[in-house]
C-alpha atoms as a PDB file:
ATOM      1  CA  MET A   1      -0.143  -0.100   0.332  1.00  0.00           C
ATOM      2  CA  PHE A   2       2.720   2.205   0.929  1.00  0.00           C
ATOM      3  CA  GLU A   3       3.943   2.054  -2.877  1.00  0.00           C
ATOM      4  CA  GLU A   4       1.056   2.739  -4.044  1.00  0.00           C
ATOM      5  CA  CYS A   5      -0.484   5.594  -1.850  1.00  0.00           C
ATOM      6  CA  PRO A   6       2.275   6.594   1.094  1.00  0.00           C
ATOM      7  CA  ARG A   7      -0.445   9.231   2.319  1.00  0.00           C
ATOM      8  CA  ALA A   8      -3.254   6.703   2.199  1.00  0.00           C
ATOM      9  CA  TYR A   9      -0.083   4.514   4.014  1.00  0.00           C
ATOM     10  CA  LYS A  10       0.078   7.037   7.105  1.00  0.00           C
ATOM     11  CA  PHE A  11      -4.210   7.550   7.395  1.00  0.00           C
ATOM     12  CA  LYS A  12      -4.482   3.427   7.560  1.00  0.00           C
ATOM     13  CA  TYR A  13      -1.132   2.041   9.617  1.00  0.00           C
ATOM     14  CA  ILE A  14       0.351   5.180  11.571  1.00  0.00           C
ATOM     15  CA  ASP A  15      -2.052   7.709  12.270  1.00  0.00           C
ATOM     16  CA  LYS A  16      -4.614   4.912  12.534  1.00  0.00           C
ATOM     17  CA  ILE A  17      -7.666   6.119  10.784  1.00  0.00           C
ATOM     18  CA  ARG A  18     -10.755   3.973  10.682  1.00  0.00           C
ATOM     19  CA  VAL A  19     -13.424   5.118   8.449  1.00  0.00           C
ATOM     20  CA  LYS A  20     -16.246   3.885   6.657  1.00  0.00           C
ATOM     21  CA  LYS A  21     -15.444   1.174   3.675  1.00  0.00           C
ATOM     22  CA  ARG A  22     -16.828   2.017   0.545  1.00  0.00           C
ATOM     23  CA  GLN A  23     -17.347  -1.186  -1.250  1.00  0.00           C
ATOM     24  CA  ASN A  24     -17.273  -1.241  -4.991  1.00  0.00           C
ATOM     25  CA  VAL A  25     -18.094  -4.093  -7.393  1.00  0.00           C
ATOM     26  CA  TYR A  26     -14.668  -5.555  -8.360  1.00  0.00           C
ATOM     27  CA  GLY A  27     -13.983  -6.099  -4.919  1.00  0.00           C
ATOM     28  CA  PHE A  28     -17.260  -7.726  -4.308  1.00  0.00           C
ATOM     29  CA  LEU A  29     -17.387  -9.773  -7.510  1.00  0.00           C
ATOM     30  CA  GLY A  30     -13.613 -10.933  -5.722  1.00  0.00           C
ATOM     31  CA  SER A  31     -14.831 -11.673  -2.664  1.00  0.00           C
ATOM     32  CA  ILE A  32     -17.786 -13.635  -3.890  1.00  0.00           C
ATOM     33  CA  VAL A  33     -15.697 -15.678  -6.683  1.00  0.00           C
ATOM     34  CA  HIS A  34     -13.188 -16.811  -3.491  1.00  0.00           C
ATOM     35  CA  GLU A  35     -16.051 -17.095  -0.977  1.00  0.00           C
ATOM     36  CA  THR A  36     -17.898 -20.057  -3.966  1.00  0.00           C
ATOM     37  CA  LEU A  37     -14.375 -21.387  -4.379  1.00  0.00           C
ATOM     38  CA  GLU A  38     -13.306 -21.800  -0.555  1.00  0.00           C
ATOM     39  CA  GLU A  39     -16.795 -23.731  -0.038  1.00  0.00           C
ATOM     40  CA  PHE A  40     -16.116 -25.642  -3.192  1.00  0.00           C
ATOM     41  CA  HIS A  41     -12.621 -26.889  -1.753  1.00  0.00           C
ATOM     42  CA  LYS A  42     -14.347 -27.561   1.326  1.00  0.00           C
ATOM     43  CA  ASP A  43     -17.033 -29.939   0.513  1.00  0.00           C
ATOM     44  CA  LEU A  44     -14.243 -31.529  -2.339  1.00  0.00           C
ATOM     45  CA  LYS A  45     -11.735 -32.479   0.567  1.00  0.00           C
ATOM     46  CA  LYS A  46     -15.060 -33.839   2.384  1.00  0.00           C
ATOM     47  CA  GLY A  47     -16.373 -36.070  -0.639  1.00  0.00           C
ATOM     48  CA  LYS A  48     -18.601 -33.947  -2.216  1.00  0.00           C
ATOM     49  CA  LYS A  49     -18.017 -33.111  -5.724  1.00  0.00           C
ATOM     50  CA  TYR A  50     -19.803 -30.327  -7.843  1.00  0.00           C
ATOM     51  CA  SER A  51     -21.005 -30.376 -11.115  1.00  0.00           C
ATOM     52  CA  LEU A  52     -20.075 -27.282 -12.904  1.00  0.00           C
ATOM     53  CA  GLU A  53     -23.604 -26.505 -13.110  1.00  0.00           C
ATOM     54  CA  GLY A  54     -23.412 -26.622  -9.152  1.00  0.00           C
ATOM     55  CA  LEU A  55     -20.847 -24.564  -8.420  1.00  0.00           C
ATOM     56  CA  ILE A  56     -22.137 -21.777 -10.979  1.00  0.00           C
ATOM     57  CA  GLU A  57     -25.482 -22.366  -8.936  1.00  0.00           C
ATOM     58  CA  LEU A  58     -23.380 -22.338  -5.513  1.00  0.00           C
ATOM     59  CA  TYR A  59     -21.814 -18.725  -6.915  1.00  0.00           C
ATOM     60  CA  SER A  60     -25.512 -16.731  -8.417  1.00  0.00           C
ATOM     61  CA  LYS A  61     -26.668 -17.794  -4.902  1.00  0.00           C
ATOM     62  CA  LEU A  62     -24.297 -16.292  -2.935  1.00  0.00           C
ATOM     63  CA  TRP A  63     -24.428 -13.674  -5.278  1.00  0.00           C
ATOM     64  CA  ASN A  64     -27.825 -12.644  -4.637  1.00  0.00           C
ATOM     65  CA  GLU A  65     -27.945 -13.419  -0.729  1.00  0.00           C
ATOM     66  CA  LYS A  66     -24.511 -10.891  -0.456  1.00  0.00           C
ATOM     67  CA  TRP A  67     -25.454  -8.031  -2.853  1.00  0.00           C
ATOM     68  CA  LYS A  68     -26.959  -4.511  -1.889  1.00  0.00           C
ATOM     69  CA  GLU A  69     -27.754  -1.697  -3.833  1.00  0.00           C
ATOM     70  CA  SER A  70     -25.245   0.615  -2.024  1.00  0.00           C
ATOM     71  CA  ILE A  71     -22.018  -1.463  -3.690  1.00  0.00           C
ATOM     72  CA  LYS A  72     -20.552   1.721  -5.889  1.00  0.00           C
ATOM     73  CA  VAL A  73     -21.043   0.544  -9.295  1.00  0.00           C
ATOM     74  CA  SER A  74     -19.257   3.402 -11.224  1.00  0.00           C
ATOM     75  CA  HIS A  75     -18.327   1.821 -15.074  1.00  0.00           C
ATOM     76  CA  PRO A  76     -20.767   3.719 -17.379  1.00  0.00           C
ATOM     77  CA  ASP A  77     -22.044   0.937 -19.748  1.00  0.00           C
ATOM     78  CA  HIS A  78     -22.258  -2.418 -17.264  1.00  0.00           C
ATOM     79  CA  ASN A  79     -24.821  -3.142 -14.535  1.00  0.00           C
ATOM     80  CA  PRO A  80     -24.427  -5.244 -11.743  1.00  0.00           C
ATOM     81  CA  ASP A  81     -26.050  -8.088 -14.061  1.00  0.00           C
ATOM     82  CA  HIS A  82     -22.649  -7.805 -16.428  1.00  0.00           C
ATOM     83  CA  PHE A  83     -20.563  -8.143 -13.409  1.00  0.00           C
ATOM     84  CA  LYS A  84     -22.243 -11.117 -11.834  1.00  0.00           C
ATOM     85  CA  LYS A  85     -21.322 -12.557 -15.577  1.00  0.00           C
ATOM     86  CA  VAL A  86     -18.108 -11.909 -15.092  1.00  0.00           C
ATOM     87  CA  GLY A  87     -17.480 -13.952 -12.040  1.00  0.00           C
ATOM     88  CA  GLY A  88     -19.992 -16.599 -13.708  1.00  0.00           C
ATOM     89  CA  GLN A  89     -17.260 -17.237 -16.193  1.00  0.00           C
ATOM     90  CA  CYS A  90     -14.504 -16.929 -14.022  1.00  0.00           C
ATOM     91  CA  ILE A  91     -16.316 -20.096 -12.105  1.00  0.00           C
ATOM     92  CA  LYS A  92     -16.321 -21.397 -15.424  1.00  0.00           C
ATOM     93  CA  ASN A  93     -12.960 -21.194 -16.495  1.00  0.00           C
ATOM     94  CA  TYR A  94     -11.782 -22.525 -12.932  1.00  0.00           C
ATOM     95  CA  TYR A  95     -13.843 -25.658 -12.897  1.00  0.00           C
ATOM     96  CA  GLU A  96     -13.570 -26.153 -16.417  1.00  0.00           C
ATOM     97  CA  LYS A  97      -9.476 -25.254 -16.771  1.00  0.00           C
ATOM     98  CA  LEU A  98      -8.334 -27.909 -13.078  1.00  0.00           C
ATOM     99  CA  SER A  99     -11.268 -30.522 -13.098  1.00  0.00           C
ATOM    100  CA  PRO A 100     -11.616 -33.627 -12.401  1.00  0.00           C
ATOM    101  CA  PHE A 101      -9.553 -31.293  -8.922  1.00  0.00           C
ATOM    102  CA  ASN A 102      -7.228 -34.827  -8.743  1.00  0.00           C
ATOM    103  CA  LYS A 103      -3.906 -33.363  -9.199  1.00  0.00           C
ATOM    104  CA  ASP A 104      -3.162 -31.895  -5.495  1.00  0.00           C
ATOM    105  CA  GLU A 105      -5.286 -32.285  -2.166  1.00  0.00           C
ATOM    106  CA  THR A 106      -6.483 -29.316   0.219  1.00  0.00           C
ATOM    107  CA  VAL A 107      -4.227 -28.816   3.279  1.00  0.00           C
ATOM    108  CA  LYS A 108      -5.941 -25.836   3.770  1.00  0.00           C
ATOM    109  CA  THR A 109      -8.207 -23.306   2.347  1.00  0.00           C
ATOM    110  CA  GLU A 110      -7.947 -19.253   4.245  1.00  0.00           C
ATOM    111  CA  LEU A 111      -4.667 -20.057   5.848  1.00  0.00           C
ATOM    112  CA  ARG A 112      -3.724 -17.228   7.931  1.00  0.00           C
ATOM    113  CA  VAL A 113       0.331 -17.271   8.172  1.00  0.00           C
ATOM    114  CA  HIS A 114       2.752 -15.623   9.968  1.00  0.00           C
ATOM    115  CA  PRO A 115       5.763 -14.545   7.947  1.00  0.00           C
ATOM    116  CA  THR A 116       9.023 -13.334   9.905  1.00  0.00           C
ATOM    117  CA  ILE A 117      11.739 -11.697   8.265  1.00  0.00           C
ATOM    118  CA  LYS A 118      14.964 -10.959  10.588  1.00  0.00           C
ATOM    119  CA  LYS A 119      17.803  -8.026   9.936  1.00  0.00           C
ATOM    120  CA  ASP A 120      20.452  -6.773  12.134  1.00  0.00           C
ATOM    121  CA  GLY A 121      19.300  -8.386  14.884  1.00  0.00           C
ATOM    122  CA  LYS A 122      15.272  -7.004  14.510  1.00  0.00           C
ATOM    123  CA  GLU A 123      12.465  -9.262  13.723  1.00  0.00           C
ATOM    124  CA  TYR A 124       9.662  -7.962  11.259  1.00  0.00           C
ATOM    125  CA  ASN A 125       6.287  -9.669  11.280  1.00  0.00           C
ATOM    126  CA  PHE A 126       4.205  -9.947   8.624  1.00  0.00           C
ATOM    127  CA  GLN A 127       0.651 -11.791   8.317  1.00  0.00           C
ATOM    128  CA  GLY A 128      -1.041 -12.991   4.964  1.00  0.00           C
ATOM    129  CA  LEU A 129      -4.077 -15.308   4.399  1.00  0.00           C
ATOM    130  CA  ILE A 130      -3.444 -17.965   1.557  1.00  0.00           C
ATOM    131  CA  ASP A 131      -6.719 -18.649  -0.520  1.00  0.00           C
ATOM    132  CA  ARG A 132      -5.430 -22.083  -0.490  1.00  0.00           C
ATOM    133  CA  LEU A 133      -2.843 -24.776   0.768  1.00  0.00           C
ATOM    134  CA  ALA A 134      -2.310 -27.922  -1.490  1.00  0.00           C
ATOM    135  CA  ILE A 135      -0.110 -31.043  -1.640  1.00  0.00           C
ATOM    136  CA  ASP A 136       0.807 -32.760  -4.813  1.00  0.00           C
ATOM    137  CA  LYS A 137       0.771 -36.339  -5.371  1.00  0.00           C
ATOM    138  CA  LYS A 138       4.859 -36.162  -4.912  1.00  0.00           C
ATOM    139  CA  GLY A 139       4.877 -34.252  -1.743  1.00  0.00           C
ATOM    140  CA  GLN A 140       5.553 -30.589  -3.058  1.00  0.00           C
ATOM    141  CA  TYR A 141       2.758 -27.555  -1.694  1.00  0.00           C
ATOM    142  CA  ILE A 142       1.436 -25.266  -3.435  1.00  0.00           C
ATOM    143  CA  ILE A 143      -0.114 -21.986  -2.629  1.00  0.00           C
ATOM    144  CA  HIS A 144      -3.020 -20.863  -4.608  1.00  0.00           C
ATOM    145  CA  ASP A 145      -4.027 -16.963  -5.496  1.00  0.00           C
ATOM    146  CA  TYR A 146      -7.303 -16.646  -7.198  1.00  0.00           C
ATOM    147  CA  LYS A 147      -7.377 -12.949  -9.181  1.00  0.00           C
ATOM    148  CA  THR A 148     -10.187 -11.707 -10.616  1.00  0.00           C
ATOM    149  CA  GLY A 149      -9.065  -7.908 -12.046  1.00  0.00           C
ATOM    150  CA  LYS A 150      -9.088  -8.097 -15.940  1.00  0.00           C
ATOM    151  CA  ASN A 151      -5.363  -7.387 -16.239  1.00  0.00           C
ATOM    152  CA  LEU A 152      -2.795 -10.691 -16.743  1.00  0.00           C
ATOM    153  CA  PRO A 153       0.858 -10.056 -15.754  1.00  0.00           C
ATOM    154  CA  SER A 154       3.789 -11.246 -17.157  1.00  0.00           C
ATOM    155  CA  ARG A 155       6.176 -13.922 -15.718  1.00  0.00           C
ATOM    156  CA  THR A 156       8.466 -11.269 -15.463  1.00  0.00           C
ATOM    157  CA  ASP A 157       6.315  -8.715 -13.311  1.00  0.00           C
ATOM    158  CA  LEU A 158       5.171 -12.037 -11.167  1.00  0.00           C
ATOM    159  CA  ILE A 159       8.758 -12.788 -10.320  1.00  0.00           C
ATOM    160  CA  LYS A 160       8.593  -9.324  -8.560  1.00  0.00           C
ATOM    161  CA  ASN A 161       5.510  -9.665  -6.740  1.00  0.00           C
ATOM    162  CA  ARG A 162       6.346  -9.632  -3.106  1.00  0.00           C
ATOM    163  CA  GLN A 163       2.443 -11.463  -1.471  1.00  0.00           C
ATOM    164  CA  LEU A 164       3.020 -14.980  -2.522  1.00  0.00           C
ATOM    165  CA  PRO A 165       6.863 -15.297  -2.028  1.00  0.00           C
ATOM    166  CA  LEU A 166       6.389 -13.854   1.881  1.00  0.00           C
ATOM    167  CA  TYR A 167       3.400 -16.436   2.042  1.00  0.00           C
ATOM    168  CA  GLN A 168       5.845 -19.259   0.966  1.00  0.00           C
ATOM    169  CA  ILE A 169       8.228 -17.452   3.733  1.00  0.00           C
ATOM    170  CA  GLY A 170       5.272 -18.378   5.986  1.00  0.00           C
ATOM    171  CA  VAL A 171       4.371 -21.104   5.329  1.00  0.00           C
ATOM    172  CA  GLN A 172       8.115 -22.857   5.415  1.00  0.00           C
ATOM    173  CA  GLN A 173       8.048 -21.536   8.710  1.00  0.00           C
ATOM    174  CA  LYS A 174       4.800 -22.851   9.859  1.00  0.00           C
ATOM    175  CA  TYR A 175       5.884 -25.858   7.992  1.00  0.00           C
ATOM    176  CA  THR A 176       9.616 -27.047   8.590  1.00  0.00           C
ATOM    177  CA  PHE A 177       9.403 -30.099   5.872  1.00  0.00           C
ATOM    178  CA  SER A 178       7.405 -27.505   3.148  1.00  0.00           C
ATOM    179  CA  GLU A 179      10.940 -26.735   1.305  1.00  0.00           C
ATOM    180  CA  ASN A 180       9.793 -26.791  -2.386  1.00  0.00           C
ATOM    181  CA  ILE A 181       7.083 -24.645  -2.716  1.00  0.00           C
ATOM    182  CA  VAL A 182       4.718 -23.883  -6.135  1.00  0.00           C
ATOM    183  CA  LEU A 183       3.507 -20.308  -5.928  1.00  0.00           C
ATOM    184  CA  ALA A 184       0.039 -20.558  -8.153  1.00  0.00           C
ATOM    185  CA  TRP A 185      -1.667 -17.294  -9.759  1.00  0.00           C
ATOM    186  CA  HIS A 186      -5.070 -17.901 -10.681  1.00  0.00           C
ATOM    187  CA  TYR A 187      -5.982 -15.296 -13.158  1.00  0.00           C
ATOM    188  CA  LEU A 188      -9.645 -16.170 -13.775  1.00  0.00           C
ATOM    189  CA  ARG A 189     -11.073 -13.730 -16.277  1.00  0.00           C
ATOM    190  CA  PHE A 190      -8.333 -15.956 -18.151  1.00  0.00           C
ATOM    191  CA  GLY A 191      -8.137 -19.627 -17.462  1.00  0.00           C
ATOM    192  CA  GLU A 192      -4.877 -18.840 -16.947  1.00  0.00           C
ATOM    193  CA  ILE A 193      -2.342 -20.626 -13.758  1.00  0.00           C
ATOM    194  CA  ILE A 194       0.756 -19.015 -13.358  1.00  0.00           C
ATOM    195  CA  LYS A 195       3.330 -21.241 -11.519  1.00  0.00           C
ATOM    196  CA  ILE A 196       6.936 -20.322 -10.025  1.00  0.00           C
ATOM    197  CA  GLU A 197       9.150 -21.677  -8.084  1.00  0.00           C
ATOM    198  CA  PHE A 198      11.684 -19.124  -5.808  1.00  0.00           C
ATOM    199  CA  ASP A 199      14.422 -21.135  -4.391  1.00  0.00           C
ATOM    200  CA  LYS A 200      16.280 -19.880  -1.976  1.00  0.00           C
ATOM    201  CA  GLU A 201      18.677 -16.859  -3.488  1.00  0.00           C
ATOM    202  CA  ASN A 202      14.583 -15.539  -5.177  1.00  0.00           C
ATOM    203  CA  LEU A 203      13.280 -15.371  -1.333  1.00  0.00           C
ATOM    204  CA  ASP A 204      16.736 -13.962  -0.085  1.00  0.00           C
ATOM    205  CA  SER A 205      15.837 -11.518  -3.203  1.00  0.00           C
ATOM    206  CA  ILE A 206      13.082 -10.991  -1.745  1.00  0.00           C
ATOM    207  CA  ARG A 207      13.894 -10.398   1.925  1.00  0.00           C
ATOM    208  CA  ARG A 208      16.123  -7.829   1.300  1.00  0.00           C
ATOM    209  CA  ASP A 209      13.566  -5.997  -1.213  1.00  0.00           C
ATOM    210  CA  ILE A 210      10.888  -5.686   1.805  1.00  0.00           C
ATOM    211  CA  ILE A 211      14.056  -4.671   4.567  1.00  0.00           C
ATOM    212  CA  ASP A 212      14.795  -2.283   1.989  1.00  0.00           C
ATOM    213  CA  LEU A 213      10.865  -0.934   1.685  1.00  0.00           C
ATOM    214  CA  ILE A 214      10.786  -0.818   5.877  1.00  0.00           C
ATOM    215  CA  GLN A 215      13.724   1.972   5.626  1.00  0.00           C
ATOM    216  CA  ILE A 216      12.097   3.957   3.414  1.00  0.00           C
ATOM    217  CA  ILE A 217       8.535   3.651   5.354  1.00  0.00           C
ATOM    218  CA  GLU A 218      10.829   4.834   8.582  1.00  0.00           C
ATOM    219  CA  GLU A 219      12.308   7.256   6.578  1.00  0.00           C
ATOM    220  CA  ALA A 220       9.615   8.777   5.591  1.00  0.00           C
ATOM    221  CA  LYS A 221       7.625   8.335   9.480  1.00  0.00           C
ATOM    222  CA  GLU A 222      10.542   9.998  10.805  1.00  0.00           C
ATOM    223  CA  GLU A 223      10.199  12.932   8.174  1.00  0.00           C
ATOM    224  CA  ASN A 224       6.782  12.950   8.301  1.00  0.00           C
ATOM    225  CA  ASN A 225       6.859  12.634   4.450  1.00  0.00           C
ATOM    226  CA  PHE A 226       3.808  10.671   2.962  1.00  0.00           C
ATOM    227  CA  PRO A 227       2.511  12.502  -0.160  1.00  0.00           C
ATOM    228  CA  ALA A 228      -0.032  11.191  -2.274  1.00  0.00           C
ATOM    229  CA  MET A 229       0.109  10.122  -5.003  1.00  0.00           C
ATOM    230  CA  ARG A 230      -2.576  10.768  -7.270  1.00  0.00           C
ATOM    231  CA  GLU A 231      -0.467  12.184 -10.340  1.00  0.00           C
ATOM    232  CA  LYS A 232       1.117   8.570 -10.059  1.00  0.00           C
ATOM    233  CA  GLY A 233      -1.691   6.518 -10.872  1.00  0.00           C
ATOM    234  CA  ALA A 234      -2.490   6.566  -7.290  1.00  0.00           C
ATOM    235  CA  ASN A 235      -6.547   4.649  -7.506  1.00  0.00           C
ATOM    236  CA  CYS A 236      -8.061   7.901  -5.820  1.00  0.00           C
ATOM    237  CA  GLY A 237     -11.743   6.939  -7.056  1.00  0.00           C
ATOM    238  CA  TRP A 238     -11.594   3.962  -5.056  1.00  0.00           C
ATOM    239  CA  CYS A 239      -9.932   5.062  -1.779  1.00  0.00           C
ATOM    240  CA  ASP A 240     -11.367   4.756   1.547  1.00  0.00           C
ATOM    241  CA  TYR A 241      -9.739   8.249   2.574  1.00  0.00           C
ATOM    242  CA  GLN A 242     -11.055  10.717   0.172  1.00  0.00           C
ATOM    243  CA  LYS A 243     -12.649  12.542   2.774  1.00  0.00           C
ATOM    244  CA  ILE A 244      -9.613  13.701   4.848  1.00  0.00           C
ATOM    245  CA  CYS A 245      -7.265  13.696   1.912  1.00  0.00           C
ATOM    246  CA  GLN A 246      -6.126  17.333   0.207  1.00  0.00           C
ATOM    247  CA  GLU A 247      -5.496  15.567  -2.769  1.00  0.00           C
ATOM    248  CA  TRP A 248      -9.184  14.582  -3.533  1.00  0.00           C
ATOM    249  CA  LYS A 249     -10.268  18.181  -2.706  1.00  0.00           C
ATOM    250  CA  PRO A 250      -9.278  20.009  -5.810  1.00  0.00           C
ATOM    251  CA  HIS A 251     -10.891  17.259  -7.940  1.00  0.00           C
ATOM    252  CA  SER A 252     -14.147  16.190  -5.838  1.00  0.00           C
ATOM    253  CA  GLY A 253     -16.120  19.192  -6.535  1.00  0.00           C
ATOM    254  CA  ASN A 254     -16.445  20.938  -3.261  1.00  0.00           C
ATOM    255  CA  GLU A 255     -13.936  22.532  -0.385  1.00  0.00           C
ATOM    256  CA  GLY A 256     -12.849  19.599   1.175  1.00  0.00           C
ATOM    257  CA  PHE A 257     -13.225  17.692   4.501  1.00  0.00           C
ATOM    258  CA  LYS A 258     -13.008  19.518   7.423  1.00  0.00           C
ATOM    259  CA  PRO A 259     -14.147  17.565  10.625  1.00  0.00           C
ATOM    260  CA  ASN A 260     -16.270  18.749  13.433  1.00  0.00           C
ATOM    261  CA  GLN A 261     -17.480  16.289  16.066  1.00  0.00           C
ATOM    262  CA  SER A 262     -20.507  15.012  14.364  1.00  0.00           C
ATOM    263  CA  GLN A 263     -19.311  14.044  10.844  1.00  0.00           C
ATOM    264  CA  GLN A 264     -16.339  12.015  12.709  1.00  0.00           C
ATOM    265  CA  LYS A 265     -18.636  10.322  14.623  1.00  0.00           C
ATOM    266  CA  LEU A 266     -20.566   9.225  11.228  1.00  0.00           C
ATOM    267  CA  GLU A 267     -17.948   8.948   9.121  1.00  0.00           C
ATOM    268  CA  TYR A 268     -14.408   8.043  10.792  1.00  0.00           C
ATOM    269  CA  PHE A 269     -12.887   6.829  13.770  1.00  0.00           C
ATOM    270  CA  LEU A 270      -9.951   8.070  15.391  1.00  0.00           C
END
């Protein structure tokens, strides 16, 4: 988050400003697809098998139960039904790509890990949530991560990604016999799976990269330097901190946010 927008990072993690979350249709779509696949693999582990039609029906049921009219749909050409169909296609792509689901066995879905990185006597603790951890017939662990976005990155882009390698560090610390791990990114809109194995050298590079970023954040704290990144592609339109960010004011058509006591109670909590 810091690299996307230092200002938003400060609001969330340093100032610890609590705001009312603004749910949008993209986040909702992702959450329902994730929940569908989580339930699918839990049931599969218990011996219950779904047909494709049954899995789509489960997805549709979850969508209908949890959809709220307050969810923001900002795309000028698409309504909620369009996004529901996109999610359904994600489920279909996943099912057809991996059926009959006998190449690996689920260890756990929604597995929380707490990776630790040590440097110069200091210990840095993180946490992450793995969509699905599995083990194949050769005894190799696989970290599965579901993506519902509309962009398909290259392998080169993913090699620079810190999220799943950090999860790998957490799994290796939790399961000490899990040296060889495959990282599997599922780009569900495209029906594509990109698999990469990070060896010790790769992970050491990720550790150094993370430590460097931590040092940059510590310097920003000392200098109180947390600029907003609006001009560099920050996704301000979806930001939860619009009403307290001065960078949003010139673009919002109002005079900015000056909280009084009643507004604080309604909008955010310190």
